[in-house]
Protein backbone atom coordinates (compact mmCIF):
# COMPACT_ATOMS: atom_id res chain seq x y z
CA MET A 1 14.25 15.69 4.36
CA ALA A 2 17.13 14.12 2.21
CA GLY A 3 17.04 11.17 4.55
CA VAL A 4 13.45 10.01 3.77
CA VAL A 5 13.08 6.32 2.65
CA ALA A 6 10.38 5.11 0.81
CA PRO A 7 8.37 2.62 3.23
CA SER A 8 7.02 -0.84 1.97
CA PRO A 9 3.91 -0.92 3.47
CA GLU A 10 2.06 -4.39 3.20
CA ALA A 11 -1.15 -4.08 1.45
CA GLY A 12 -4.23 -2.79 3.93
CA SER A 13 -1.58 -1.75 6.63
CA LYS A 14 -2.34 1.50 8.12
CA PRO A 15 0.61 3.13 6.15
CA ALA A 16 -0.67 2.10 2.89
CA GLN A 17 -4.17 3.35 4.01
CA ILE A 18 -2.64 6.48 4.85
CA LEU A 19 -0.39 6.59 1.78
CA GLU A 20 -3.21 6.07 -0.64
CA ALA A 21 -5.37 8.67 0.95
CA ALA A 22 -2.55 11.02 0.83
CA GLY A 23 -1.63 10.55 -3.03
CA LYS A 24 -5.80 11.09 -3.57
CA LEU A 25 -5.96 13.98 -1.79
CA PHE A 26 -3.08 16.21 -2.78
CA LEU A 27 -3.22 15.36 -6.32
CA GLU A 28 -7.05 16.33 -6.31
CA ASN A 29 -7.14 19.17 -3.98
CA GLY A 30 -3.35 20.58 -4.32
CA TYR A 31 -1.23 20.61 -1.18
CA GLY A 32 -2.07 24.05 0.49
CA ALA A 33 -5.50 22.59 0.88
CA VAL A 34 -4.59 19.40 2.37
CA SER A 35 -4.42 19.11 6.19
CA MET A 36 -2.91 16.27 8.26
CA ASP A 37 -6.86 16.00 9.79
CA ASN A 38 -8.16 15.33 5.88
CA VAL A 39 -5.49 12.52 5.53
CA ALA A 40 -6.31 11.06 9.01
CA LYS A 41 -9.85 11.35 8.15
CA THR A 42 -9.74 9.97 4.51
CA ALA A 43 -7.96 7.01 5.51
CA ASN A 44 -9.80 6.29 8.78
CA VAL A 45 -6.99 6.69 11.14
CA SER A 46 -6.65 8.40 14.52
CA LYS A 47 -4.09 11.09 14.43
CA ALA A 48 -2.15 9.51 16.77
CA THR A 49 -1.82 6.82 14.27
CA LEU A 50 -1.12 8.95 11.33
CA TYR A 51 1.75 10.98 13.22
CA ALA A 52 3.23 7.88 14.66
CA HIS A 53 3.90 6.60 10.90
CA PHE A 54 4.62 10.47 9.34
CA ARG A 55 6.08 13.21 11.31
CA SER A 56 4.63 16.18 9.18
CA LYS A 57 2.65 16.94 5.97
CA ASP A 58 5.91 17.70 4.01
CA GLU A 59 7.43 14.06 4.89
CA LEU A 60 4.08 12.65 4.00
CA PHE A 61 4.02 13.93 0.55
CA ALA A 62 7.85 13.21 0.23
CA ALA A 63 7.50 9.40 1.03
CA MET A 64 4.37 9.04 -1.78
CA VAL A 65 6.96 10.65 -4.30
CA ALA A 66 9.81 8.08 -2.90
CA CYS A 67 7.42 5.12 -3.20
CA GLU A 68 6.36 5.98 -6.50
CA CYS A 69 10.32 6.22 -7.59
CA ARG A 70 11.31 3.20 -5.80
CA ASP A 71 8.24 1.35 -7.69
CA GLN A 72 9.57 2.72 -11.21
CA MET A 73 13.22 3.33 -10.86
CA GLY A 74 14.20 -0.01 -9.47
CA ALA A 75 15.98 -1.01 -12.48
CA LEU A 76 19.19 1.38 -11.38
CA SER A 77 20.04 -0.94 -8.07
CA CYS A 78 19.18 -4.48 -8.90
CA ASP A 79 21.79 -7.12 -9.77
CA GLU A 80 20.44 -7.38 -13.51
CA VAL A 81 21.82 -3.93 -14.73
CA SER A 82 25.03 -4.49 -13.55
CA ARG A 83 25.29 -8.08 -15.82
CA MET A 84 24.05 -5.78 -18.62
CA GLU A 85 26.13 -4.44 -21.52
CA VAL A 86 26.17 -0.55 -20.89
CA ALA A 87 23.87 0.48 -23.57
CA ASP A 88 21.49 -2.33 -22.32
CA ALA A 89 21.22 -1.04 -19.14
CA LEU A 90 20.94 2.35 -20.09
CA ARG A 91 17.93 1.45 -22.32
CA LEU A 92 16.16 -0.07 -19.23
CA VAL A 93 16.81 2.53 -17.25
CA ALA A 94 15.42 5.13 -19.61
CA ARG A 95 12.48 3.10 -20.21
CA ARG A 96 11.68 2.99 -16.70
CA PHE A 97 12.40 6.66 -16.16
CA MET A 98 10.13 7.52 -18.83
CA LYS A 99 7.30 5.25 -17.52
CA LEU A 100 7.48 7.49 -14.11
CA VAL A 101 7.84 10.84 -15.19
CA LEU A 102 5.15 10.69 -17.79
CA SER A 103 2.54 8.51 -15.84
CA GLY A 104 -0.54 10.73 -14.76
CA LYS A 105 0.52 10.38 -10.97
CA ALA A 106 3.81 12.05 -11.71
CA LEU A 107 2.51 14.56 -13.81
CA ALA A 108 0.10 15.52 -11.43
CA ALA A 109 2.16 15.73 -8.59
CA TYR A 110 4.60 17.67 -10.63
CA ARG A 111 1.96 20.40 -11.43
CA VAL A 112 1.30 20.42 -7.79
CA VAL A 113 4.56 21.41 -6.58
CA VAL A 114 5.08 24.07 -9.39
CA ALA A 115 1.77 25.79 -8.42
CA GLU A 116 2.57 26.02 -4.65
CA ALA A 117 6.07 25.75 -4.37
CA HIS A 118 6.21 29.50 -3.82
CA ARG A 119 4.25 29.17 -0.93
CA PHE A 120 5.48 26.05 0.59
CA PRO A 121 9.24 25.68 -0.13
CA GLU A 122 8.95 22.67 2.06
CA LEU A 123 7.00 20.77 -0.62
CA ALA A 124 9.38 21.10 -3.12
CA ARG A 125 12.69 20.30 -1.38
CA ALA A 126 10.67 17.24 -0.19
CA PHE A 127 9.75 16.50 -3.90
CA TYR A 128 12.95 17.27 -4.94
CA GLU A 129 14.66 15.02 -2.65
CA SER A 130 12.58 12.37 -2.61
CA GLY A 131 12.23 12.19 -6.50
CA PRO A 132 14.27 13.70 -9.12
CA ALA A 133 17.87 14.10 -6.93
CA ARG A 134 17.33 10.38 -5.80
CA SER A 135 16.97 9.08 -9.60
CA HIS A 136 19.63 11.33 -10.29
CA GLU A 137 22.04 9.96 -7.19
CA GLN A 138 21.13 6.09 -8.68
CA LEU A 139 22.15 6.87 -12.12
CA ALA A 140 25.33 8.98 -10.97
CA ALA A 141 26.18 6.06 -8.95
CA TYR A 142 25.83 3.43 -11.87
CA LEU A 143 28.15 5.83 -14.11
CA ARG A 144 30.97 6.06 -11.67
CA GLU A 145 30.85 2.06 -11.64
CA ALA A 146 30.87 1.87 -15.20
CA ASP A 147 33.83 4.22 -15.75
CA ARG A 148 35.24 2.33 -12.84
CA ARG A 149 35.35 -0.86 -15.10
CA GLY A 150 36.32 1.02 -17.93
CA ALA A 151 32.76 0.38 -19.94
CA LEU A 152 32.46 4.28 -20.22
CA ARG A 153 35.20 7.31 -19.63
CA ILE A 154 33.00 9.75 -17.39
CA PRO A 155 34.85 12.30 -15.62
CA ASP A 156 31.72 13.84 -13.98
CA ALA A 157 29.05 11.41 -13.15
CA ASP A 158 26.97 14.24 -11.55
CA LEU A 159 27.13 16.09 -14.61
CA ALA A 160 26.63 12.92 -17.33
CA ALA A 161 23.35 11.78 -15.02
CA GLU A 162 21.59 15.52 -15.78
CA GLN A 163 22.74 15.12 -19.20
CA PHE A 164 21.37 11.71 -20.00
CA PHE A 165 17.88 12.62 -17.92
CA GLY A 166 17.84 15.63 -19.95
CA LEU A 167 18.12 14.14 -23.29
CA LEU A 168 15.27 11.53 -22.44
CA LYS A 169 12.97 14.14 -21.27
CA ALA A 170 13.84 16.90 -24.32
CA HIS A 171 10.30 18.67 -24.78
CA ILE A 172 7.80 15.33 -24.50
CA HIS A 173 7.97 16.16 -20.46
CA THR A 174 7.01 19.92 -21.42
CA ARG A 175 4.45 19.02 -23.67
CA PHE A 176 2.79 16.65 -21.62
CA ILE A 177 3.14 19.05 -18.21
CA LEU A 178 1.30 21.90 -20.24
CA CYS A 179 -1.30 19.24 -21.78
CA ILE A 180 -0.67 19.85 -25.17
CA GLU A 181 -0.32 16.10 -25.59
CA ASN A 182 -1.09 13.27 -23.12
CA THR A 183 0.03 10.47 -25.26
CA ILE A 184 3.00 9.11 -27.37
CA SER A 185 3.07 6.06 -29.23
CA GLU A 186 5.69 3.34 -28.25
CA ALA A 187 8.12 3.77 -31.40
CA GLU A 188 8.09 7.27 -30.57
CA LEU A 189 9.36 6.81 -27.05
CA GLU A 190 11.75 3.93 -28.29
CA ARG A 191 12.95 6.66 -30.95
CA PHE A 192 13.79 9.14 -28.19
CA ILE A 193 15.37 6.70 -26.13
CA GLU A 194 17.37 4.96 -28.72
CA ALA A 195 18.80 8.35 -29.79
CA ALA A 196 19.50 9.29 -26.45
CA VAL A 197 21.40 6.19 -25.38
CA ASN A 198 23.80 6.60 -28.60
CA LEU A 199 24.42 10.01 -28.25
CA PHE A 200 25.21 9.58 -24.57
CA THR A 201 27.49 6.15 -25.19
CA LYS A 202 29.50 7.94 -28.08
CA GLY A 203 30.21 10.65 -26.03
CA TYR A 204 31.63 8.64 -23.11
CA ALA A 205 33.28 6.06 -24.80
CA ALA A 206 35.96 4.26 -23.63
CA ALA A 207 39.58 4.91 -25.13
CA PRO A 208 40.21 2.20 -27.48
């Protein structure tokens, strides 16, 4: 499942129909209550067509998550980021990351996974490897390059990536997951982002 690549289906294509139907069913009914038959019927495709594109339910769920992460976290792989100052690049990454994890779709998917992971471990694995792990790998790769260029001094890029995302999520994500809050002002979000970027870049500042 670690090898799942986010598909890029054309609007109106069979894969696009399938992913749209699957997303609706998973988020409304939970993972366990949805069958591949349900997906095929809702997408108005044959089971043969469904299995030609997605071999299993967990692969379908993983593709849905991977698509969402690719669409929101593209900042890490674009040329624009490599030309930015490190702090500006991290601010852009932070904004896209928080937009992703606080989106209604991502929160609903997270709740589905947490509720059903003990019964469907393949679901938890698919979600983690297609979502959080992929974002982590991208950021760690960027931080290794920043270290190589001397922009930051980062002895352990994997640890640093975890720390940065942890600083960003803080308790905001937990409050959203628990439905204690469902909105955050742009000003408040920027305050958290700026604090995280400042602390991170100071902690990993290159030697003068």
